Protein backbone atom coordinates (compact mmCIF):
# COMPACT_ATOMS: atom_id res chain seq x y z
CA MET A 1 -81.78 -84.42 4.24
CA ARG A 2 -80.44 -87.41 6.08
CA PHE A 3 -78.83 -87.55 9.51
CA LEU A 4 -76.36 -90.19 10.63
CA ARG A 5 -75.64 -90.72 14.31
CA SER A 6 -72.68 -92.63 15.77
CA ALA A 7 -73.47 -95.37 18.26
CA ALA A 8 -70.60 -94.22 20.48
CA ALA A 9 -71.97 -92.38 23.50
CA THR A 10 -69.14 -89.88 23.70
CA PHE A 11 -68.85 -88.94 20.04
CA ALA A 12 -71.30 -87.59 17.47
CA LEU A 13 -71.51 -87.30 13.71
CA ALA A 14 -74.14 -85.17 12.04
CA ALA A 15 -74.30 -85.61 8.28
CA SER A 16 -76.67 -83.98 5.83
CA VAL A 17 -76.40 -85.02 2.19
CA PHE A 18 -78.09 -83.27 -0.71
CA ALA A 19 -78.68 -84.23 -4.34
CA LEU A 20 -77.02 -87.65 -4.30
CA PRO A 21 -78.83 -90.95 -3.61
CA ALA A 22 -77.81 -92.96 -0.55
CA ALA A 23 -75.87 -95.45 -2.68
CA THR A 24 -73.36 -92.75 -3.64
CA ALA A 25 -73.49 -90.53 -0.55
CA SER A 26 -70.12 -89.61 0.90
CA ARG A 27 -69.21 -90.32 4.51
CA PHE A 28 -66.39 -89.59 6.90
CA SER A 29 -63.61 -91.88 8.08
CA PRO A 30 -63.52 -92.21 11.01
CA ALA A 31 -67.23 -91.64 11.46
CA ALA A 32 -66.72 -90.03 14.89
CA PRO A 33 -63.29 -88.36 14.83
CA LEU A 34 -61.46 -87.47 18.01
CA PRO A 35 -59.87 -84.03 18.41
CA PHE A 36 -56.90 -83.74 16.01
CA GLU A 37 -57.49 -87.18 14.52
CA LEU A 38 -56.96 -87.31 10.74
CA VAL A 39 -60.33 -87.08 8.97
CA ASN A 40 -60.90 -88.42 5.46
CA LEU A 41 -63.87 -87.95 3.17
CA ARG A 42 -64.77 -91.36 1.76
CA THR A 43 -66.73 -91.05 -1.46
CA THR A 44 -67.76 -93.17 -4.44
CA VAL A 45 -66.49 -91.97 -7.82
CA ASP A 46 -66.48 -93.09 -11.42
CA SER A 47 -63.11 -94.78 -12.04
CA CYS A 48 -62.85 -93.20 -15.48
CA ALA A 49 -64.02 -89.68 -14.62
CA PHE A 50 -62.11 -89.33 -11.34
CA ASN A 51 -58.76 -87.58 -11.66
CA PRO A 52 -56.73 -87.66 -8.40
CA ALA A 53 -54.44 -84.89 -9.67
CA THR A 54 -57.33 -82.39 -9.70
CA VAL A 55 -58.47 -82.87 -6.09
CA PHE A 56 -58.04 -79.67 -4.08
CA VAL A 57 -59.10 -79.07 -0.46
CA ALA A 58 -59.57 -75.51 0.82
CA ASN A 59 -61.14 -73.70 3.76
CA THR A 60 -63.60 -71.11 2.46
CA GLY A 61 -64.32 -69.64 5.88
CA THR A 62 -67.75 -71.25 6.07
CA ALA A 63 -66.91 -74.75 4.87
CA ILE A 64 -64.12 -77.14 3.99
CA GLN A 65 -64.41 -77.34 0.22
CA VAL A 66 -63.34 -80.41 -1.75
CA ARG A 67 -62.99 -79.55 -5.45
CA MET A 68 -62.78 -82.27 -8.08
CA ARG A 69 -62.55 -81.81 -11.84
CA ASP A 70 -63.69 -84.84 -13.84
CA ASN A 71 -62.00 -86.41 -16.84
CA GLN A 72 -63.96 -86.56 -20.07
CA CYS A 73 -64.98 -90.19 -20.65
CA PHE A 74 -66.75 -91.83 -23.58
CA ALA A 75 -68.38 -94.40 -21.31
CA PRO A 76 -68.93 -94.72 -17.56
CA GLY A 77 -66.24 -96.49 -15.58
CA THR A 78 -66.57 -98.78 -12.58
CA PRO A 79 -67.71 -97.12 -9.33
CA VAL A 80 -64.86 -97.17 -6.79
CA ASP A 81 -64.43 -95.79 -3.28
CA VAL A 82 -61.65 -93.26 -2.62
CA GLU A 83 -60.50 -91.46 0.52
CA LEU A 84 -59.67 -87.75 0.39
CA ARG A 85 -57.77 -86.21 3.30
CA LEU A 86 -59.49 -83.24 4.95
CA GLY A 87 -57.14 -82.73 7.89
CA ALA A 88 -57.13 -82.91 11.68
CA PHE A 89 -59.42 -80.61 13.65
CA PRO A 90 -60.11 -79.41 17.20
CA THR A 91 -63.50 -79.83 18.86
CA GLY A 92 -66.29 -78.31 16.79
CA LEU A 93 -68.85 -78.70 14.02
CA TYR A 94 -67.53 -78.61 10.45
CA ASN A 95 -69.31 -78.12 7.13
CA VAL A 96 -67.98 -79.84 4.00
CA GLU A 97 -68.85 -79.08 0.39
CA VAL A 98 -67.96 -81.33 -2.54
CA THR A 99 -67.87 -79.21 -5.70
CA ASN A 100 -66.76 -79.20 -9.30
CA GLY A 101 -63.25 -78.11 -10.22
CA ASP A 102 -63.70 -74.33 -9.87
CA GLY A 103 -66.02 -74.49 -6.87
CA SER A 104 -68.97 -72.96 -8.75
CA SER A 105 -71.30 -75.99 -8.47
CA VAL A 106 -71.92 -77.90 -5.23
CA ARG A 107 -72.41 -81.63 -5.66
CA GLU A 108 -72.82 -82.53 -2.01
CA ARG A 109 -73.03 -80.89 1.42
CA LEU A 110 -72.18 -82.68 4.65
CA GLN A 111 -71.31 -82.00 8.29
CA PHE A 112 -69.16 -83.78 10.83
CA SER A 113 -68.67 -83.12 14.51
CA VAL A 114 -65.50 -83.52 16.56
CA VAL A 115 -66.45 -84.04 20.21
CA PRO A 116 -63.99 -84.21 23.12
CA ARG A 117 -63.25 -87.74 24.19
CA ALA A 118 -64.46 -88.94 27.56
CA GLU A 119 -61.94 -88.40 30.35
CA ILE A 120 -61.67 -90.48 33.50
CA ALA A 121 -62.46 -88.23 36.46
CA VAL A 122 -59.46 -88.82 38.72
CA PHE A 123 -57.18 -86.55 40.71
CA PRO A 124 -54.57 -85.75 39.78
CA PRO A 125 -55.69 -85.98 36.14
CA ILE A 126 -54.00 -88.53 33.86
CA PRO A 127 -51.15 -86.79 31.92
CA HIS A 128 -51.51 -86.41 28.18
CA PRO A 129 -49.43 -84.61 25.55
CA ASN A 130 -50.52 -81.26 24.17
CA THR A 131 -49.18 -81.93 20.67
CA ASP A 132 -48.36 -84.79 18.31
CA TYR A 133 -44.75 -86.03 18.29
CA SER A 134 -45.18 -88.48 15.41
CA GLY A 135 -42.31 -88.62 12.92
CA VAL A 136 -38.81 -89.92 12.31
CA TRP A 137 -36.37 -88.63 14.94
CA TRP A 138 -32.59 -88.66 14.55
CA ASN A 139 -29.33 -87.02 15.47
CA PRO A 140 -27.97 -85.20 12.38
CA GLN A 141 -24.40 -85.82 13.59
CA GLU A 142 -25.04 -89.58 13.81
CA SER A 143 -26.60 -90.52 10.49
CA GLY A 144 -27.60 -94.16 10.05
CA TRP A 145 -29.82 -94.80 13.06
CA GLY A 146 -33.03 -93.26 14.33
CA LEU A 147 -36.36 -93.57 16.08
CA SER A 148 -39.72 -93.71 14.30
CA ILE A 149 -42.64 -92.57 16.47
CA THR A 150 -46.35 -92.95 15.78
CA GLN A 151 -48.73 -91.25 18.22
CA SER A 152 -52.47 -91.85 17.92
CA ALA A 153 -55.28 -89.41 18.64
CA ARG A 154 -55.76 -91.35 21.89
CA ASP A 155 -52.12 -90.50 22.78
CA THR A 156 -50.96 -94.12 22.46
CA VAL A 157 -47.35 -94.34 21.25
CA PHE A 158 -45.73 -97.02 19.09
CA ALA A 159 -42.06 -96.50 18.28
CA ALA A 160 -39.40 -98.44 16.37
CA LEU A 161 -35.69 -97.97 17.08
CA PHE A 162 -33.26 -98.92 14.30
CA VAL A 163 -29.63 -99.13 15.43
CA TYR A 164 -26.50 -101.31 15.13
CA ASP A 165 -25.13 -103.88 17.58
CA ALA A 166 -21.53 -104.29 18.79
CA GLN A 167 -20.67 -106.16 15.57
CA ASN A 168 -22.13 -103.32 13.42
CA ARG A 169 -25.10 -105.44 12.38
CA PRO A 170 -28.47 -103.70 11.97
CA GLN A 171 -30.91 -104.23 14.85
CA TRP A 172 -34.38 -102.94 15.49
CA PHE A 173 -36.53 -102.75 18.58
CA THR A 174 -40.06 -101.59 19.34
CA PHE A 175 -41.58 -99.64 22.21
CA GLN A 176 -45.15 -100.74 22.82
CA PRO A 177 -46.73 -100.67 26.28
CA GLY A 178 -46.00 -97.36 27.91
CA GLY A 179 -47.55 -94.10 28.96
CA TRP A 180 -47.18 -90.38 29.56
CA THR A 181 -45.90 -89.35 32.98
CA SER A 182 -46.24 -85.67 32.03
CA ALA A 183 -47.30 -83.65 28.97
CA THR A 184 -43.77 -84.04 27.53
CA ARG A 185 -42.38 -87.25 29.04
CA TRP A 186 -43.16 -90.76 27.78
CA THR A 187 -41.75 -93.98 29.23
CA GLY A 188 -42.16 -97.59 28.14
CA THR A 189 -40.72 -101.06 27.60
CA VAL A 190 -38.29 -102.00 24.80
CA TYR A 191 -38.94 -105.24 22.92
CA ARG A 192 -36.86 -107.34 20.56
CA THR A 193 -38.87 -109.27 17.98
CA THR A 194 -37.58 -112.23 15.99
CA GLY A 195 -39.31 -114.22 13.29
CA PRO A 196 -39.05 -116.24 10.08
CA TYR A 197 -36.97 -115.19 7.09
CA PHE A 198 -38.85 -112.46 5.18
CA ALA A 199 -38.44 -114.16 1.77
CA ALA A 200 -39.29 -117.68 2.96
CA PRO A 201 -42.29 -119.26 1.19
CA GLY A 202 -45.35 -119.00 3.40
CA TYR A 203 -45.34 -117.52 6.87
CA ASP A 204 -45.27 -119.42 10.15
CA PRO A 205 -46.43 -117.13 13.01
CA SER A 206 -45.30 -119.73 15.54
CA LEU A 207 -41.71 -118.70 14.76
CA VAL A 208 -42.30 -115.12 15.97
CA GLY A 209 -40.75 -114.32 19.34
CA VAL A 210 -41.21 -111.16 21.41
CA GLN A 211 -38.89 -110.47 24.33
CA ALA A 212 -38.73 -107.51 26.71
CA VAL A 213 -35.08 -106.37 26.73
CA GLY A 214 -35.06 -102.94 28.36
CA SER A 215 -36.78 -99.61 28.92
CA ALA A 216 -36.89 -96.19 27.30
CA ILE A 217 -37.72 -92.60 28.25
CA ILE A 218 -38.32 -89.73 25.83
CA GLU A 219 -38.49 -86.17 27.13
CA PHE A 220 -39.69 -83.67 24.51
CA GLU A 221 -39.20 -79.91 24.48
CA ALA A 222 -39.61 -76.97 22.13
CA ALA A 223 -36.31 -76.45 20.34
CA PRO A 224 -34.85 -72.92 20.08
CA GLY A 225 -35.63 -71.46 16.69
CA GLY A 226 -38.62 -73.73 16.06
CA GLY A 227 -39.47 -77.39 15.96
CA SER A 228 -39.06 -79.93 18.73
CA ARG A 229 -36.24 -81.97 20.17
CA GLY A 230 -36.13 -84.91 22.53
CA ARG A 231 -33.84 -86.27 25.19
CA PHE A 232 -33.83 -90.01 24.48
CA GLU A 233 -32.67 -92.38 27.21
CA TYR A 234 -32.76 -96.16 26.87
CA THR A 235 -31.27 -99.40 28.19
CA ILE A 236 -31.11 -102.66 26.18
CA ASP A 237 -29.80 -106.04 27.33
CA GLY A 238 -28.27 -104.46 30.43
CA ALA A 239 -25.55 -102.83 28.33
CA GLY A 240 -25.74 -99.54 30.18
CA THR A 241 -27.89 -96.47 29.71
CA VAL A 242 -27.63 -94.62 26.40
CA VAL A 243 -28.59 -90.94 26.32
CA LYS A 244 -29.07 -89.08 23.03
CA THR A 245 -30.54 -85.80 21.83
CA LEU A 246 -32.86 -86.17 18.86
CA VAL A 247 -34.69 -83.79 16.52
CA ARG A 248 -37.54 -84.55 14.15
CA MET A 249 -36.24 -85.26 10.64
CA PRO A 250 -37.69 -82.91 8.02
CA LEU A 251 -39.34 -85.14 5.43
């Protein structure tokens, strides 16, 4: 049995690996996941025997089980690393079993721990969202433009707005610095980025320009009948405030 400990003071990873030597032992990515951060099992496989189409992840009640059925190979292939998605989990200790295709033979047993992140003790407490609003948001009655939102497990938001200007030319903007003013309200700065032609030979980073051009506010709420919707308010280049209602696009 082998135990791995994260160097981070606020997070912990307990891993116990059986039957496989250290050179082929699986591990978790990230090593110390935050609550509801996507966790992957990173493992070394034989490039010939591994069949991605046969990977199946299930919750058995006592463990997260990763089943893999091998191809039949005449000779060993090259060892390669692969990542297998386990999911996103609340605080707790989780057991993982790596088995053969029907789950009857366990190849490896591991554990990982999701520990609450450290919070700054201030009053009133710093607002944070209670769910993940990542996705592509749009107005179904206004096809052709939208807002792509990525929210990290640390609640940081990066968003890209793709719209058209007054001459009907495509434009895109990003929202980068910003923060949550409540569990459902995010506000930040809108940036325009310019740079070299995408098909030009080479790439000259000195030609990249980033300019703050406005501000944005997104207020999320639970939509009647299920899902979420957002009240999206933004101003760009002083052209007046635009207010839209968005819903998450089903993908």
